[in-house]
Amino acid sequence: MQASITAKGLDFIADDGGLGAILGVVTVRLHGDTLRELLISRVESSDEDDTVKQKVVAKLKDIPGEALGALVTKALDASLASLPAVATWMLALLAK
């Protein structure tokens, strides 16, 4: 027995947005400069002492792109790991 794909199957996997459009897939790419600007903006708007902010901003400006990507990945992992605690906190807050 030989397998073959139907016209509907070809349409489903076509590169015209078929499968991606059906599943609602969205790809977001942030360039290193954009990540750097976002992080610097967050640091500058924090409540930290100005000298601390200046040191962190200087480090962010000097960090290579690959290291910046690793930093953002670790930050995302840490924030995702705390999501269950945030959900519990929100439910407790809403129950009041």
N, C-alpha and C. Protein backbone atom coordinates (compact mmCIF):
# COMPACT_ATOMS: atom_id res chain seq x y z
N MET A 1 0.85 -1.18 0.00
CA MET A 1 0.00 0.00 0.00
C MET A 1 0.89 1.24 0.00
N GLN A 2 0.59 2.16 -0.86
CA GLN A 2 1.36 3.39 -0.98
C GLN A 2 0.53 4.57 -0.48
N ALA A 3 1.17 5.45 0.29
CA ALA A 3 0.47 6.62 0.82
C ALA A 3 0.59 7.76 -0.17
N SER A 4 -0.44 8.56 -0.25
CA SER A 4 -0.40 9.75 -1.08
C SER A 4 -1.21 10.85 -0.39
N ILE A 5 -0.89 12.06 -0.73
CA ILE A 5 -1.58 13.20 -0.12
C ILE A 5 -2.65 13.71 -1.06
N THR A 6 -3.76 14.10 -0.48
CA THR A 6 -4.88 14.60 -1.27
C THR A 6 -4.73 16.10 -1.52
N ALA A 7 -5.59 16.63 -2.36
CA ALA A 7 -5.58 18.07 -2.64
C ALA A 7 -5.87 18.86 -1.37
N LYS A 8 -6.78 18.35 -0.53
CA LYS A 8 -7.07 19.03 0.73
C LYS A 8 -5.86 19.00 1.66
N GLY A 9 -5.14 17.90 1.64
CA GLY A 9 -3.94 17.79 2.46
C GLY A 9 -2.87 18.76 2.00
N LEU A 10 -2.68 18.87 0.68
CA LEU A 10 -1.70 19.82 0.13
C LEU A 10 -2.08 21.25 0.47
N ASP A 11 -3.36 21.56 0.39
CA ASP A 11 -3.82 22.90 0.73
C ASP A 11 -3.58 23.20 2.21
N PHE A 12 -3.75 22.16 3.03
CA PHE A 12 -3.58 22.32 4.48
C PHE A 12 -2.15 22.68 4.84
N ILE A 13 -1.17 22.09 4.15
CA ILE A 13 0.24 22.36 4.48
C ILE A 13 0.89 23.37 3.55
N ALA A 14 0.14 23.97 2.66
CA ALA A 14 0.69 24.94 1.71
C ALA A 14 1.32 26.12 2.45
N ASP A 15 2.28 26.74 1.81
CA ASP A 15 3.01 27.86 2.41
C ASP A 15 2.28 29.19 2.22
N ASP A 16 0.98 29.13 2.08
CA ASP A 16 0.20 30.35 1.88
C ASP A 16 -0.56 30.73 3.15
N GLY A 17 -0.07 30.23 4.28
CA GLY A 17 -0.72 30.53 5.54
C GLY A 17 -1.71 29.47 5.94
N GLY A 18 -1.85 28.40 5.16
CA GLY A 18 -2.83 27.36 5.44
C GLY A 18 -2.80 26.85 6.87
N LEU A 19 -1.80 26.05 7.20
CA LEU A 19 -1.71 25.46 8.53
C LEU A 19 -1.47 26.52 9.60
N GLY A 20 -0.56 27.43 9.32
CA GLY A 20 -0.27 28.50 10.29
C GLY A 20 -1.49 29.35 10.57
N ALA A 21 -2.25 29.66 9.52
CA ALA A 21 -3.44 30.49 9.69
C ALA A 21 -4.51 29.73 10.47
N ILE A 22 -4.64 28.45 10.20
CA ILE A 22 -5.66 27.65 10.89
C ILE A 22 -5.33 27.54 12.37
N LEU A 23 -4.06 27.30 12.68
CA LEU A 23 -3.65 27.11 14.07
C LEU A 23 -3.39 28.43 14.80
N GLY A 24 -3.38 29.53 14.06
CA GLY A 24 -3.14 30.83 14.67
C GLY A 24 -1.70 31.00 15.13
N VAL A 25 -0.76 30.41 14.41
CA VAL A 25 0.65 30.48 14.77
C VAL A 25 1.21 31.85 14.43
N VAL A 26 1.91 32.43 15.38
CA VAL A 26 2.54 33.73 15.17
C VAL A 26 4.01 33.60 15.58
N THR A 27 4.89 34.05 14.72
CA THR A 27 6.31 34.04 15.02
C THR A 27 6.75 35.47 15.31
N VAL A 28 7.40 35.65 16.45
CA VAL A 28 7.87 36.97 16.84
C VAL A 28 9.38 36.89 16.94
N ARG A 29 10.06 37.77 16.23
CA ARG A 29 11.51 37.83 16.29
C ARG A 29 11.92 39.21 16.78
N LEU A 30 12.71 39.22 17.83
CA LEU A 30 13.22 40.48 18.36
C LEU A 30 14.72 40.53 18.11
N HIS A 31 15.17 41.57 17.51
CA HIS A 31 16.60 41.73 17.26
C HIS A 31 17.31 42.13 18.54
N GLY A 32 18.60 41.89 18.58
CA GLY A 32 19.39 42.20 19.77
C GLY A 32 19.27 43.63 20.22
N ASP A 33 19.26 44.55 19.27
CA ASP A 33 19.13 45.98 19.63
C ASP A 33 17.78 46.26 20.28
N THR A 34 16.74 45.60 19.80
CA THR A 34 15.41 45.79 20.37
C THR A 34 15.36 45.24 21.79
N LEU A 35 15.93 44.05 21.99
CA LEU A 35 15.98 43.47 23.34
C LEU A 35 16.75 44.38 24.28
N ARG A 36 17.88 44.87 23.81
CA ARG A 36 18.71 45.76 24.62
C ARG A 36 17.92 47.02 25.02
N GLU A 37 17.22 47.62 24.07
CA GLU A 37 16.43 48.83 24.35
C GLU A 37 15.31 48.54 25.35
N LEU A 38 14.65 47.38 25.20
CA LEU A 38 13.59 47.02 26.14
C LEU A 38 14.13 46.84 27.55
N LEU A 39 15.25 46.15 27.67
CA LEU A 39 15.84 45.94 28.99
C LEU A 39 16.30 47.25 29.61
N ILE A 40 16.95 48.08 28.83
CA ILE A 40 17.41 49.38 29.34
C ILE A 40 16.22 50.22 29.79
N SER A 41 15.17 50.21 29.03
CA SER A 41 13.96 50.96 29.39
C SER A 41 13.40 50.50 30.73
N ARG A 42 13.38 49.17 30.94
CA ARG A 42 12.86 48.63 32.19
C ARG A 42 13.76 49.01 33.37
N VAL A 43 15.05 48.97 33.15
CA VAL A 43 16.00 49.33 34.21
C VAL A 43 15.82 50.81 34.57
N GLU A 44 15.75 51.66 33.55
CA GLU A 44 15.63 53.10 33.79
C GLU A 44 14.32 53.47 34.49
N SER A 45 13.27 52.68 34.28
CA SER A 45 11.99 52.98 34.92
C SER A 45 11.83 52.30 36.27
N SER A 46 12.86 51.58 36.72
CA SER A 46 12.79 50.89 38.01
C SER A 46 12.98 51.87 39.16
N ASP A 47 12.75 51.37 40.37
CA ASP A 47 12.89 52.18 41.57
C ASP A 47 14.30 52.11 42.16
N GLU A 48 15.21 51.47 41.47
CA GLU A 48 16.58 51.33 41.98
C GLU A 48 17.28 52.68 42.04
N ASP A 49 18.34 52.72 42.83
CA ASP A 49 19.19 53.90 42.94
C ASP A 49 19.80 54.22 41.57
N ASP A 50 19.98 55.50 41.30
CA ASP A 50 20.51 55.92 39.99
C ASP A 50 21.88 55.34 39.69
N THR A 51 22.73 55.18 40.71
CA THR A 51 24.05 54.62 40.45
C THR A 51 23.95 53.16 40.03
N VAL A 52 23.02 52.43 40.62
CA VAL A 52 22.81 51.03 40.24
C VAL A 52 22.28 50.97 38.81
N LYS A 53 21.32 51.83 38.51
CA LYS A 53 20.76 51.88 37.16
C LYS A 53 21.85 52.15 36.12
N GLN A 54 22.71 53.11 36.42
CA GLN A 54 23.77 53.47 35.47
C GLN A 54 24.71 52.29 35.22
N LYS A 55 25.05 51.55 36.28
CA LYS A 55 25.94 50.39 36.14
C LYS A 55 25.28 49.30 35.29
N VAL A 56 24.00 49.03 35.56
CA VAL A 56 23.30 47.98 34.82
C VAL A 56 23.14 48.38 33.35
N VAL A 57 22.79 49.63 33.10
CA VAL A 57 22.64 50.12 31.72
C VAL A 57 23.97 50.03 30.99
N ALA A 58 25.06 50.39 31.65
CA ALA A 58 26.39 50.29 31.02
C ALA A 58 26.71 48.85 30.66
N LYS A 59 26.39 47.92 31.55
CA LYS A 59 26.63 46.49 31.27
C LYS A 59 25.78 46.02 30.11
N LEU A 60 24.52 46.45 30.08
CA LEU A 60 23.62 46.04 28.99
C LEU A 60 24.12 46.57 27.64
N LYS A 61 24.69 47.76 27.65
CA LYS A 61 25.20 48.33 26.41
C LYS A 61 26.45 47.61 25.91
N ASP A 62 27.22 47.04 26.84
CA ASP A 62 28.47 46.38 26.49
C ASP A 62 28.33 44.89 26.19
N ILE A 63 27.25 44.28 26.63
CA ILE A 63 27.11 42.83 26.52
C ILE A 63 26.96 42.42 25.04
N PRO A 64 27.66 41.37 24.61
CA PRO A 64 27.54 40.90 23.23
C PRO A 64 26.15 40.33 22.95
N GLY A 65 25.77 40.30 21.69
CA GLY A 65 24.44 39.83 21.29
C GLY A 65 24.10 38.44 21.77
N GLU A 66 25.04 37.49 21.66
CA GLU A 66 24.78 36.12 22.09
C GLU A 66 24.53 36.04 23.59
N ALA A 67 25.32 36.77 24.36
CA ALA A 67 25.14 36.78 25.81
C ALA A 67 23.82 37.45 26.17
N LEU A 68 23.44 38.47 25.42
CA LEU A 68 22.16 39.14 25.65
C LEU A 68 21.01 38.16 25.42
N GLY A 69 21.11 37.37 24.37
CA GLY A 69 20.08 36.36 24.09
C GLY A 69 19.99 35.34 25.21
N ALA A 70 21.13 34.91 25.73
CA ALA A 70 21.15 33.96 26.85
C ALA A 70 20.53 34.58 28.10
N LEU A 71 20.84 35.85 28.34
CA LEU A 71 20.28 36.57 29.49
C LEU A 71 18.76 36.64 29.40
N VAL A 72 18.26 36.98 28.23
CA VAL A 72 16.81 37.09 28.04
C VAL A 72 16.15 35.72 28.18
N THR A 73 16.80 34.68 27.67
CA THR A 73 16.25 33.33 27.79
C THR A 73 16.15 32.92 29.25
N LYS A 74 17.19 33.20 30.04
CA LYS A 74 17.15 32.87 31.47
C LYS A 74 16.08 33.67 32.19
N ALA A 75 15.94 34.93 31.83
CA ALA A 75 14.91 35.77 32.45
C ALA A 75 13.51 35.25 32.12
N LEU A 76 13.33 34.83 30.87
CA LEU A 76 12.03 34.27 30.47
C LEU A 76 11.75 32.97 31.21
N ASP A 77 12.77 32.11 31.31
CA ASP A 77 12.61 30.86 32.06
C ASP A 77 12.21 31.14 33.50
N ALA A 78 12.86 32.09 34.13
CA ALA A 78 12.57 32.43 35.53
C ALA A 78 11.15 32.97 35.67
N SER A 79 10.73 33.80 34.72
CA SER A 79 9.37 34.36 34.81
C SER A 79 8.32 33.29 34.56
N LEU A 80 8.58 32.38 33.62
CA LEU A 80 7.63 31.29 33.37
C LEU A 80 7.56 30.33 34.54
N ALA A 81 8.68 30.12 35.22
CA ALA A 81 8.70 29.24 36.39
C ALA A 81 7.86 29.82 37.53
N SER A 82 7.72 31.13 37.58
CA SER A 82 6.95 31.74 38.66
C SER A 82 5.47 31.92 38.31
N LEU A 83 5.07 31.54 37.11
CA LEU A 83 3.67 31.70 36.71
C LEU A 83 2.68 30.98 37.63
N PRO A 84 2.96 29.74 38.06
CA PRO A 84 1.99 29.11 38.98
C PRO A 84 1.78 29.92 40.25
N ALA A 85 2.84 30.50 40.79
CA ALA A 85 2.71 31.31 42.00
C ALA A 85 1.90 32.56 41.71
N VAL A 86 2.10 33.16 40.56
CA VAL A 86 1.34 34.36 40.19
C VAL A 86 -0.14 34.01 40.03
N ALA A 87 -0.42 32.87 39.40
CA ALA A 87 -1.81 32.45 39.22
C ALA A 87 -2.49 32.22 40.57
N THR A 88 -1.79 31.58 41.50
CA THR A 88 -2.33 31.35 42.84
C THR A 88 -2.58 32.67 43.55
N TRP A 89 -1.63 33.61 43.43
CA TRP A 89 -1.77 34.92 44.05
C TRP A 89 -2.97 35.66 43.48
N MET A 90 -3.14 35.59 42.14
CA MET A 90 -4.25 36.29 41.51
C MET A 90 -5.59 35.70 41.93
N LEU A 91 -5.67 34.38 42.01
CA LEU A 91 -6.91 33.74 42.44
C LEU A 91 -7.25 34.13 43.87
N ALA A 92 -6.25 34.18 44.74
CA ALA A 92 -6.49 34.57 46.13
C ALA A 92 -6.94 36.03 46.18
N LEU A 93 -6.35 36.88 45.37
CA LEU A 93 -6.71 38.28 45.34
C LEU A 93 -8.15 38.46 44.83
N LEU A 94 -8.50 37.71 43.80
CA LEU A 94 -9.84 37.82 43.23
C LEU A 94 -10.92 37.24 44.15
N ALA A 95 -10.53 36.31 45.01
CA ALA A 95 -11.50 35.67 45.91
C ALA A 95 -11.91 36.61 47.06
N LYS A 96 -11.13 37.67 47.27
CA LYS A 96 -11.43 38.58 48.39
C LYS A 96 -12.62 39.44 48.09
